[in-house]
Amino acid sequence: LAGRGYIHLAAPALQQIVGWTGEQ
């Protein structure tokens, strides 16, 4: 974000950062 201003995140990467269960 500091460099190019955006980032594309695949679902596993976002889930790792944010965290959610399948039920949630």
mmCIF file of all heavy atoms, coordinates in Angstrom:
data_MODEL
# 
_entry.id   MODEL 
# 
loop_
_atom_site.group_PDB 
_atom_site.id 
_atom_site.type_symbol 
_atom_site.label_atom_id 
_atom_site.label_alt_id 
_atom_site.label_comp_id 
_atom_site.label_asym_id 
_atom_site.label_entity_id 
_atom_site.label_seq_id 
_atom_site.pdbx_PDB_ins_code 
_atom_site.Cartn_x 
_atom_site.Cartn_y 
_atom_site.Cartn_z 
_atom_site.occupancy 
_atom_site.B_iso_or_equiv 
_atom_site.pdbx_formal_charge 
_atom_site.auth_seq_id 
_atom_site.auth_comp_id 
_atom_site.auth_asym_id 
_atom_site.auth_atom_id 
_atom_site.pdbx_PDB_model_num 
ATOM 1   N N   . LEU A 1 1  ? 0.819   -1.205  0.000  1.00 0.00 ? 1  LEU A N   1 
ATOM 2   C CA  . LEU A 1 1  ? 0.000   0.000   0.000  1.00 0.00 ? 1  LEU A CA  1 
ATOM 3   C C   . LEU A 1 1  ? 0.855   1.258   0.000  1.00 0.00 ? 1  LEU A C   1 
ATOM 4   O O   . LEU A 1 1  ? 0.537   2.238   -0.677 1.00 0.00 ? 1  LEU A O   1 
ATOM 5   C CB  . LEU A 1 1  ? -0.943  -0.003  1.201  1.00 0.00 ? 1  LEU A CB  1 
ATOM 6   C CG  . LEU A 1 1  ? -2.029  -1.086  1.200  1.00 0.00 ? 1  LEU A CG  1 
ATOM 7   C CD1 . LEU A 1 1  ? -2.836  -1.038  2.495  1.00 0.00 ? 1  LEU A CD1 1 
ATOM 8   C CD2 . LEU A 1 1  ? -2.950  -0.946  -0.005 1.00 0.00 ? 1  LEU A CD2 1 
ATOM 9   N N   . ALA A 1 2  ? 1.938   1.236   0.761  1.00 0.00 ? 2  ALA A N   1 
ATOM 10  C CA  . ALA A 1 2  ? 2.833   2.389   0.786  1.00 0.00 ? 2  ALA A CA  1 
ATOM 11  C C   . ALA A 1 2  ? 3.528   2.570   -0.560 1.00 0.00 ? 2  ALA A C   1 
ATOM 12  O O   . ALA A 1 2  ? 3.789   3.702   -0.990 1.00 0.00 ? 2  ALA A O   1 
ATOM 13  C CB  . ALA A 1 2  ? 3.878   2.222   1.890  1.00 0.00 ? 2  ALA A CB  1 
ATOM 14  N N   . GLY A 1 3  ? 3.807   1.456   -1.248 1.00 0.00 ? 3  GLY A N   1 
ATOM 15  C CA  . GLY A 1 3  ? 4.509   1.532   -2.516 1.00 0.00 ? 3  GLY A CA  1 
ATOM 16  C C   . GLY A 1 3  ? 3.607   1.844   -3.691 1.00 0.00 ? 3  GLY A C   1 
ATOM 17  O O   . GLY A 1 3  ? 3.532   2.977   -4.158 1.00 0.00 ? 3  GLY A O   1 
ATOM 18  N N   . ARG A 1 4  ? 2.858   0.847   -4.148 1.00 0.00 ? 4  ARG A N   1 
ATOM 19  C CA  . ARG A 1 4  ? 2.053   1.055   -5.363 1.00 0.00 ? 4  ARG A CA  1 
ATOM 20  C C   . ARG A 1 4  ? 0.624   1.508   -5.098 1.00 0.00 ? 4  ARG A C   1 
ATOM 21  O O   . ARG A 1 4  ? -0.106  1.865   -6.028 1.00 0.00 ? 4  ARG A O   1 
ATOM 22  C CB  . ARG A 1 4  ? 2.045   -0.215  -6.201 1.00 0.00 ? 4  ARG A CB  1 
ATOM 23  C CG  . ARG A 1 4  ? 1.377   -1.406  -5.538 1.00 0.00 ? 4  ARG A CG  1 
ATOM 24  C CD  . ARG A 1 4  ? 1.480   -2.632  -6.425 1.00 0.00 ? 4  ARG A CD  1 
ATOM 25  N NE  . ARG A 1 4  ? 0.816   -3.777  -5.834 1.00 0.00 ? 4  ARG A NE  1 
ATOM 26  C CZ  . ARG A 1 4  ? 0.760   -4.976  -6.418 1.00 0.00 ? 4  ARG A CZ  1 
ATOM 27  N NH1 . ARG A 1 4  ? 1.333   -5.160  -7.589 1.00 0.00 ? 4  ARG A NH1 1 
ATOM 28  N NH2 . ARG A 1 4  ? 0.137   -5.975  -5.830 1.00 0.00 ? 4  ARG A NH2 1 
ATOM 29  N N   . GLY A 1 5  ? 0.178   1.450   -3.834 1.00 0.00 ? 5  GLY A N   1 
ATOM 30  C CA  . GLY A 1 5  ? -1.127  1.992   -3.499 1.00 0.00 ? 5  GLY A CA  1 
ATOM 31  C C   . GLY A 1 5  ? -2.275  1.006   -3.506 1.00 0.00 ? 5  GLY A C   1 
ATOM 32  O O   . GLY A 1 5  ? -3.400  1.375   -3.190 1.00 0.00 ? 5  GLY A O   1 
ATOM 33  N N   . TYR A 1 6  ? -2.018  -0.269  -3.834 1.00 0.00 ? 6  TYR A N   1 
ATOM 34  C CA  . TYR A 1 6  ? -3.092  -1.266  -3.801 1.00 0.00 ? 6  TYR A CA  1 
ATOM 35  C C   . TYR A 1 6  ? -2.494  -2.653  -3.650 1.00 0.00 ? 6  TYR A C   1 
ATOM 36  O O   . TYR A 1 6  ? -1.300  -2.861  -3.889 1.00 0.00 ? 6  TYR A O   1 
ATOM 37  C CB  . TYR A 1 6  ? -3.962  -1.211  -5.062 1.00 0.00 ? 6  TYR A CB  1 
ATOM 38  C CG  . TYR A 1 6  ? -3.308  -1.812  -6.289 1.00 0.00 ? 6  TYR A CG  1 
ATOM 39  C CD1 . TYR A 1 6  ? -3.559  -3.135  -6.673 1.00 0.00 ? 6  TYR A CD1 1 
ATOM 40  C CD2 . TYR A 1 6  ? -2.425  -1.073  -7.076 1.00 0.00 ? 6  TYR A CD2 1 
ATOM 41  C CE1 . TYR A 1 6  ? -2.961  -3.684  -7.796 1.00 0.00 ? 6  TYR A CE1 1 
ATOM 42  C CE2 . TYR A 1 6  ? -1.832  -1.614  -8.204 1.00 0.00 ? 6  TYR A CE2 1 
ATOM 43  C CZ  . TYR A 1 6  ? -2.106  -2.929  -8.554 1.00 0.00 ? 6  TYR A CZ  1 
ATOM 44  O OH  . TYR A 1 6  ? -1.502  -3.479  -9.662 1.00 0.00 ? 6  TYR A OH  1 
ATOM 45  N N   . ILE A 1 7  ? -3.335  -3.600  -3.241 1.00 0.00 ? 7  ILE A N   1 
ATOM 46  C CA  . ILE A 1 7  ? -2.912  -4.988  -3.177 1.00 0.00 ? 7  ILE A CA  1 
ATOM 47  C C   . ILE A 1 7  ? -4.112  -5.886  -3.434 1.00 0.00 ? 7  ILE A C   1 
ATOM 48  O O   . ILE A 1 7  ? -5.217  -5.632  -2.949 1.00 0.00 ? 7  ILE A O   1 
ATOM 49  C CB  . ILE A 1 7  ? -2.255  -5.319  -1.814 1.00 0.00 ? 7  ILE A CB  1 
ATOM 50  C CG1 . ILE A 1 7  ? -1.702  -6.747  -1.823 1.00 0.00 ? 7  ILE A CG1 1 
ATOM 51  C CG2 . ILE A 1 7  ? -3.222  -5.102  -0.653 1.00 0.00 ? 7  ILE A CG2 1 
ATOM 52  C CD1 . ILE A 1 7  ? -0.816  -7.061  -0.619 1.00 0.00 ? 7  ILE A CD1 1 
ATOM 53  N N   . HIS A 1 8  ? -3.905  -6.914  -4.239 1.00 0.00 ? 8  HIS A N   1 
ATOM 54  C CA  . HIS A 1 8  ? -4.912  -7.935  -4.536 1.00 0.00 ? 8  HIS A CA  1 
ATOM 55  C C   . HIS A 1 8  ? -4.647  -9.104  -3.608 1.00 0.00 ? 8  HIS A C   1 
ATOM 56  O O   . HIS A 1 8  ? -3.546  -9.659  -3.595 1.00 0.00 ? 8  HIS A O   1 
ATOM 57  C CB  . HIS A 1 8  ? -4.780  -8.347  -6.011 1.00 0.00 ? 8  HIS A CB  1 
ATOM 58  C CG  . HIS A 1 8  ? -5.584  -9.549  -6.395 1.00 0.00 ? 8  HIS A CG  1 
ATOM 59  N ND1 . HIS A 1 8  ? -5.255  -10.333 -7.476 1.00 0.00 ? 8  HIS A ND1 1 
ATOM 60  C CD2 . HIS A 1 8  ? -6.699  -10.092 -5.856 1.00 0.00 ? 8  HIS A CD2 1 
ATOM 61  C CE1 . HIS A 1 8  ? -6.125  -11.313 -7.595 1.00 0.00 ? 8  HIS A CE1 1 
ATOM 62  N NE2 . HIS A 1 8  ? -7.015  -11.187 -6.620 1.00 0.00 ? 8  HIS A NE2 1 
ATOM 63  N N   . LEU A 1 9  ? -5.644  -9.484  -2.811 1.00 0.00 ? 9  LEU A N   1 
ATOM 64  C CA  . LEU A 1 9  ? -5.492  -10.542 -1.825 1.00 0.00 ? 9  LEU A CA  1 
ATOM 65  C C   . LEU A 1 9  ? -6.393  -11.716 -2.172 1.00 0.00 ? 9  LEU A C   1 
ATOM 66  O O   . LEU A 1 9  ? -7.608  -11.549 -2.352 1.00 0.00 ? 9  LEU A O   1 
ATOM 67  C CB  . LEU A 1 9  ? -5.861  -10.030 -0.434 1.00 0.00 ? 9  LEU A CB  1 
ATOM 68  C CG  . LEU A 1 9  ? -4.999  -8.907  0.140  1.00 0.00 ? 9  LEU A CG  1 
ATOM 69  C CD1 . LEU A 1 9  ? -5.668  -8.320  1.379  1.00 0.00 ? 9  LEU A CD1 1 
ATOM 70  C CD2 . LEU A 1 9  ? -3.610  -9.422  0.469  1.00 0.00 ? 9  LEU A CD2 1 
ATOM 71  N N   . ALA A 1 10 ? -5.814  -12.910 -2.278 1.00 0.00 ? 10 ALA A N   1 
ATOM 72  C CA  . ALA A 1 10 ? -6.625  -14.115 -2.415 1.00 0.00 ? 10 ALA A CA  1 
ATOM 73  C C   . ALA A 1 10 ? -7.297  -14.424 -1.084 1.00 0.00 ? 10 ALA A C   1 
ATOM 74  O O   . ALA A 1 10 ? -6.824  -14.017 -0.013 1.00 0.00 ? 10 ALA A O   1 
ATOM 75  C CB  . ALA A 1 10 ? -5.763  -15.289 -2.862 1.00 0.00 ? 10 ALA A CB  1 
ATOM 76  N N   . ALA A 1 11 ? -8.395  -15.156 -1.143 1.00 0.00 ? 11 ALA A N   1 
ATOM 77  C CA  . ALA A 1 11 ? -9.194  -15.422 0.056  1.00 0.00 ? 11 ALA A CA  1 
ATOM 78  C C   . ALA A 1 11 ? -8.377  -16.007 1.215  1.00 0.00 ? 11 ALA A C   1 
ATOM 79  O O   . ALA A 1 11 ? -8.551  -15.565 2.362  1.00 0.00 ? 11 ALA A O   1 
ATOM 80  C CB  . ALA A 1 11 ? -10.363 -16.325 -0.294 1.00 0.00 ? 11 ALA A CB  1 
ATOM 81  N N   . PRO A 1 12 ? -7.494  -16.970 0.980  1.00 0.00 ? 12 PRO A N   1 
ATOM 82  C CA  . PRO A 1 12 ? -6.740  -17.500 2.132  1.00 0.00 ? 12 PRO A CA  1 
ATOM 83  C C   . PRO A 1 12 ? -5.894  -16.436 2.818  1.00 0.00 ? 12 PRO A C   1 
ATOM 84  O O   . PRO A 1 12 ? -5.755  -16.450 4.052  1.00 0.00 ? 12 PRO A O   1 
ATOM 85  C CB  . PRO A 1 12 ? -5.867  -18.594 1.506  1.00 0.00 ? 12 PRO A CB  1 
ATOM 86  C CG  . PRO A 1 12 ? -6.605  -19.005 0.270  1.00 0.00 ? 12 PRO A CG  1 
ATOM 87  C CD  . PRO A 1 12 ? -7.216  -17.736 -0.245 1.00 0.00 ? 12 PRO A CD  1 
ATOM 88  N N   . ALA A 1 13 ? -5.336  -15.513 2.034  1.00 0.00 ? 13 ALA A N   1 
ATOM 89  C CA  . ALA A 1 13 ? -4.511  -14.455 2.626  1.00 0.00 ? 13 ALA A CA  1 
ATOM 90  C C   . ALA A 1 13 ? -5.362  -13.509 3.459  1.00 0.00 ? 13 ALA A C   1 
ATOM 91  O O   . ALA A 1 13 ? -4.984  -13.131 4.573  1.00 0.00 ? 13 ALA A O   1 
ATOM 92  C CB  . ALA A 1 13 ? -3.773  -13.696 1.531  1.00 0.00 ? 13 ALA A CB  1 
ATOM 93  N N   . LEU A 1 14 ? -6.517  -13.120 2.935  1.00 0.00 ? 14 LEU A N   1 
ATOM 94  C CA  . LEU A 1 14 ? -7.384  -12.223 3.698  1.00 0.00 ? 14 LEU A CA  1 
ATOM 95  C C   . LEU A 1 14 ? -7.911  -12.913 4.946  1.00 0.00 ? 14 LEU A C   1 
ATOM 96  O O   . LEU A 1 14 ? -7.969  -12.318 6.023  1.00 0.00 ? 14 LEU A O   1 
ATOM 97  C CB  . LEU A 1 14 ? -8.546  -11.741 2.832  1.00 0.00 ? 14 LEU A CB  1 
ATOM 98  C CG  . LEU A 1 14 ? -9.481  -10.757 3.536  1.00 0.00 ? 14 LEU A CG  1 
ATOM 99  C CD1 . LEU A 1 14 ? -8.772  -9.438  3.814  1.00 0.00 ? 14 LEU A CD1 1 
ATOM 100 C CD2 . LEU A 1 14 ? -10.740 -10.512 2.715  1.00 0.00 ? 14 LEU A CD2 1 
ATOM 101 N N   . GLN A 1 15 ? -8.290  -14.183 4.806  1.00 0.00 ? 15 GLN A N   1 
ATOM 102 C CA  . GLN A 1 15 ? -8.794  -14.909 5.968  1.00 0.00 ? 15 GLN A CA  1 
ATOM 103 C C   . GLN A 1 15 ? -7.719  -15.024 7.041  1.00 0.00 ? 15 GLN A C   1 
ATOM 104 O O   . GLN A 1 15 ? -8.007  -14.955 8.241  1.00 0.00 ? 15 GLN A O   1 
ATOM 105 C CB  . GLN A 1 15 ? -9.284  -16.296 5.566  1.00 0.00 ? 15 GLN A CB  1 
ATOM 106 C CG  . GLN A 1 15 ? -9.947  -17.053 6.707  1.00 0.00 ? 15 GLN A CG  1 
ATOM 107 C CD  . GLN A 1 15 ? -10.535 -18.377 6.262  1.00 0.00 ? 15 GLN A CD  1 
ATOM 108 O OE1 . GLN A 1 15 ? -10.372 -18.790 5.116  1.00 0.00 ? 15 GLN A OE1 1 
ATOM 109 N NE2 . GLN A 1 15 ? -11.221 -19.048 7.156  1.00 0.00 ? 15 GLN A NE2 1 
ATOM 110 N N   . GLN A 1 16 ? -6.470  -15.179 6.608  1.00 0.00 ? 16 GLN A N   1 
ATOM 111 C CA  . GLN A 1 16 ? -5.371  -15.236 7.571  1.00 0.00 ? 16 GLN A CA  1 
ATOM 112 C C   . GLN A 1 16 ? -5.248  -13.929 8.346  1.00 0.00 ? 16 GLN A C   1 
ATOM 113 O O   . GLN A 1 16 ? -5.013  -13.937 9.555  1.00 0.00 ? 16 GLN A O   1 
ATOM 114 C CB  . GLN A 1 16 ? -4.064  -15.520 6.827  1.00 0.00 ? 16 GLN A CB  1 
ATOM 115 C CG  . GLN A 1 16 ? -2.827  -15.493 7.709  1.00 0.00 ? 16 GLN A CG  1 
ATOM 116 C CD  . GLN A 1 16 ? -1.547  -15.366 6.913  1.00 0.00 ? 16 GLN A CD  1 
ATOM 117 O OE1 . GLN A 1 16 ? -1.578  -15.307 5.686  1.00 0.00 ? 16 GLN A OE1 1 
ATOM 118 N NE2 . GLN A 1 16 ? -0.428  -15.325 7.597  1.00 0.00 ? 16 GLN A NE2 1 
ATOM 119 N N   . ILE A 1 17 ? -5.423  -12.795 7.653  1.00 0.00 ? 17 ILE A N   1 
ATOM 120 C CA  . ILE A 1 17 ? -5.284  -11.489 8.292  1.00 0.00 ? 17 ILE A CA  1 
ATOM 121 C C   . ILE A 1 17 ? -6.504  -11.155 9.148  1.00 0.00 ? 17 ILE A C   1 
ATOM 122 O O   . ILE A 1 17 ? -6.382  -10.719 10.302 1.00 0.00 ? 17 ILE A O   1 
ATOM 123 C CB  . ILE A 1 17 ? -5.066  -10.395 7.240  1.00 0.00 ? 17 ILE A CB  1 
ATOM 124 C CG1 . ILE A 1 17 ? -3.756  -10.633 6.469  1.00 0.00 ? 17 ILE A CG1 1 
ATOM 125 C CG2 . ILE A 1 17 ? -5.074  -9.005  7.876  1.00 0.00 ? 17 ILE A CG2 1 
ATOM 126 C CD1 . ILE A 1 17 ? -2.509  -10.583 7.314  1.00 0.00 ? 17 ILE A CD1 1 
ATOM 127 N N   . VAL A 1 18 ? -7.686  -11.336 8.591  1.00 0.00 ? 18 VAL A N   1 
ATOM 128 C CA  . VAL A 1 18 ? -8.924  -10.944 9.281  1.00 0.00 ? 18 VAL A CA  1 
ATOM 129 C C   . VAL A 1 18 ? -9.406  -12.040 10.220 1.00 0.00 ? 18 VAL A C   1 
ATOM 130 O O   . VAL A 1 18 ? -9.756  -11.784 11.376 1.00 0.00 ? 18 VAL A O   1 
ATOM 131 C CB  . VAL A 1 18 ? -10.013 -10.577 8.262  1.00 0.00 ? 18 VAL A CB  1 
ATOM 132 C CG1 . VAL A 1 18 ? -11.344 -10.318 8.960  1.00 0.00 ? 18 VAL A CG1 1 
ATOM 133 C CG2 . VAL A 1 18 ? -9.583  -9.359  7.451  1.00 0.00 ? 18 VAL A CG2 1 
ATOM 134 N N   . GLY A 1 19 ? -9.458  -13.265 9.711  1.00 0.00 ? 19 GLY A N   1 
ATOM 135 C CA  . GLY A 1 19 ? -9.880  -14.395 10.521 1.00 0.00 ? 19 GLY A CA  1 
ATOM 136 C C   . GLY A 1 19 ? -11.391 -14.571 10.529 1.00 0.00 ? 19 GLY A C   1 
ATOM 137 O O   . GLY A 1 19 ? -12.126 -13.674 10.917 1.00 0.00 ? 19 GLY A O   1 
ATOM 138 N N   . TRP A 1 20 ? -11.865 -15.714 10.029 1.00 0.00 ? 20 TRP A N   1 
ATOM 139 C CA  . TRP A 1 20 ? -13.276 -16.073 10.150 1.00 0.00 ? 20 TRP A CA  1 
ATOM 140 C C   . TRP A 1 20 ? -13.402 -17.578 10.012 1.00 0.00 ? 20 TRP A C   1 
ATOM 141 O O   . TRP A 1 20 ? -12.551 -18.243 9.418  1.00 0.00 ? 20 TRP A O   1 
ATOM 142 C CB  . TRP A 1 20 ? -14.144 -15.362 9.103  1.00 0.00 ? 20 TRP A CB  1 
ATOM 143 C CG  . TRP A 1 20 ? -13.837 -15.706 7.668  1.00 0.00 ? 20 TRP A CG  1 
ATOM 144 C CD1 . TRP A 1 20 ? -14.107 -16.876 7.003  1.00 0.00 ? 20 TRP A CD1 1 
ATOM 145 C CD2 . TRP A 1 20 ? -13.200 -14.858 6.709  1.00 0.00 ? 20 TRP A CD2 1 
ATOM 146 N NE1 . TRP A 1 20 ? -13.690 -16.810 5.701  1.00 0.00 ? 20 TRP A NE1 1 
ATOM 147 C CE2 . TRP A 1 20 ? -13.131 -15.585 5.486  1.00 0.00 ? 20 TRP A CE2 1 
ATOM 148 C CE3 . TRP A 1 20 ? -12.700 -13.559 6.746  1.00 0.00 ? 20 TRP A CE3 1 
ATOM 149 C CZ2 . TRP A 1 20 ? -12.557 -15.054 4.329  1.00 0.00 ? 20 TRP A CZ2 1 
ATOM 150 C CZ3 . TRP A 1 20 ? -12.142 -13.031 5.595  1.00 0.00 ? 20 TRP A CZ3 1 
ATOM 151 C CH2 . TRP A 1 20 ? -12.078 -13.773 4.406  1.00 0.00 ? 20 TRP A CH2 1 
ATOM 152 N N   . THR A 1 21 ? -14.457 -18.133 10.563 1.00 0.00 ? 21 THR A N   1 
ATOM 153 C CA  . THR A 1 21 ? -14.735 -19.552 10.425 1.00 0.00 ? 21 THR A CA  1 
ATOM 154 C C   . THR A 1 21 ? -15.700 -19.768 9.267  1.00 0.00 ? 21 THR A C   1 
ATOM 155 O O   . THR A 1 21 ? -16.368 -18.834 8.807  1.00 0.00 ? 21 THR A O   1 
ATOM 156 C CB  . THR A 1 21 ? -15.357 -20.127 11.704 1.00 0.00 ? 21 THR A CB  1 
ATOM 157 O OG1 . THR A 1 21 ? -16.676 -19.556 11.875 1.00 0.00 ? 21 THR A OG1 1 
ATOM 158 C CG2 . THR A 1 21 ? -14.506 -19.796 12.931 1.00 0.00 ? 21 THR A CG2 1 
ATOM 159 N N   . GLY A 1 22 ? -15.784 -21.002 8.810  1.00 0.00 ? 22 GLY A N   1 
ATOM 160 C CA  . GLY A 1 22 ? -16.718 -21.313 7.739  1.00 0.00 ? 22 GLY A CA  1 
ATOM 161 C C   . GLY A 1 22 ? -18.151 -21.029 8.122  1.00 0.00 ? 22 GLY A C   1 
ATOM 162 O O   . GLY A 1 22 ? -18.943 -20.534 7.316  1.00 0.00 ? 22 GLY A O   1 
ATOM 163 N N   . GLU A 1 23 ? -18.501 -21.295 9.364  1.00 0.00 ? 23 GLU A N   1 
ATOM 164 C CA  . GLU A 1 23 ? -19.865 -21.036 9.832  1.00 0.00 ? 23 GLU A CA  1 
ATOM 165 C C   . GLU A 1 23 ? -20.148 -19.542 9.861  1.00 0.00 ? 23 GLU A C   1 
ATOM 166 O O   . GLU A 1 23 ? -21.232 -19.089 9.459  1.00 0.00 ? 23 GLU A O   1 
ATOM 167 C CB  . GLU A 1 23 ? -20.063 -21.637 11.212 1.00 0.00 ? 23 GLU A CB  1 
ATOM 168 C CG  . GLU A 1 23 ? -21.473 -21.483 11.761 1.00 0.00 ? 23 GLU A CG  1 
ATOM 169 C CD  . GLU A 1 23 ? -21.651 -22.141 13.114 1.00 0.00 ? 23 GLU A CD  1 
ATOM 170 O OE1 . GLU A 1 23 ? -20.678 -22.752 13.604 1.00 0.00 ? 23 GLU A OE1 1 
ATOM 171 O OE2 . GLU A 1 23 ? -22.747 -22.027 13.686 1.00 0.00 ? 23 GLU A OE2 1 
ATOM 172 N N   . GLN A 1 24 ? -19.188 -18.754 10.335 1.00 0.00 ? 24 GLN A N   1 
ATOM 173 C CA  . GLN A 1 24 ? -19.371 -17.301 10.357 1.00 0.00 ? 24 GLN A CA  1 
ATOM 174 C C   . GLN A 1 24 ? -19.552 -16.761 8.948  1.00 0.00 ? 24 GLN A C   1 
ATOM 175 O O   . GLN A 1 24 ? -20.420 -15.912 8.706  1.00 0.00 ? 24 GLN A O   1 
ATOM 176 C CB  . GLN A 1 24 ? -18.169 -16.638 11.025 1.00 0.00 ? 24 GLN A CB  1 
ATOM 177 C CG  . GLN A 1 24 ? -18.100 -16.822 12.521 1.00 0.00 ? 24 GLN A CG  1 
ATOM 178 C CD  . GLN A 1 24 ? -16.788 -16.328 13.103 1.00 0.00 ? 24 GLN A CD  1 
ATOM 179 O OE1 . GLN A 1 24 ? -15.779 -16.239 12.406 1.00 0.00 ? 24 GLN A OE1 1 
ATOM 180 N NE2 . GLN A 1 24 ? -16.783 -16.026 14.393 1.00 0.00 ? 24 GLN A NE2 1 
# 
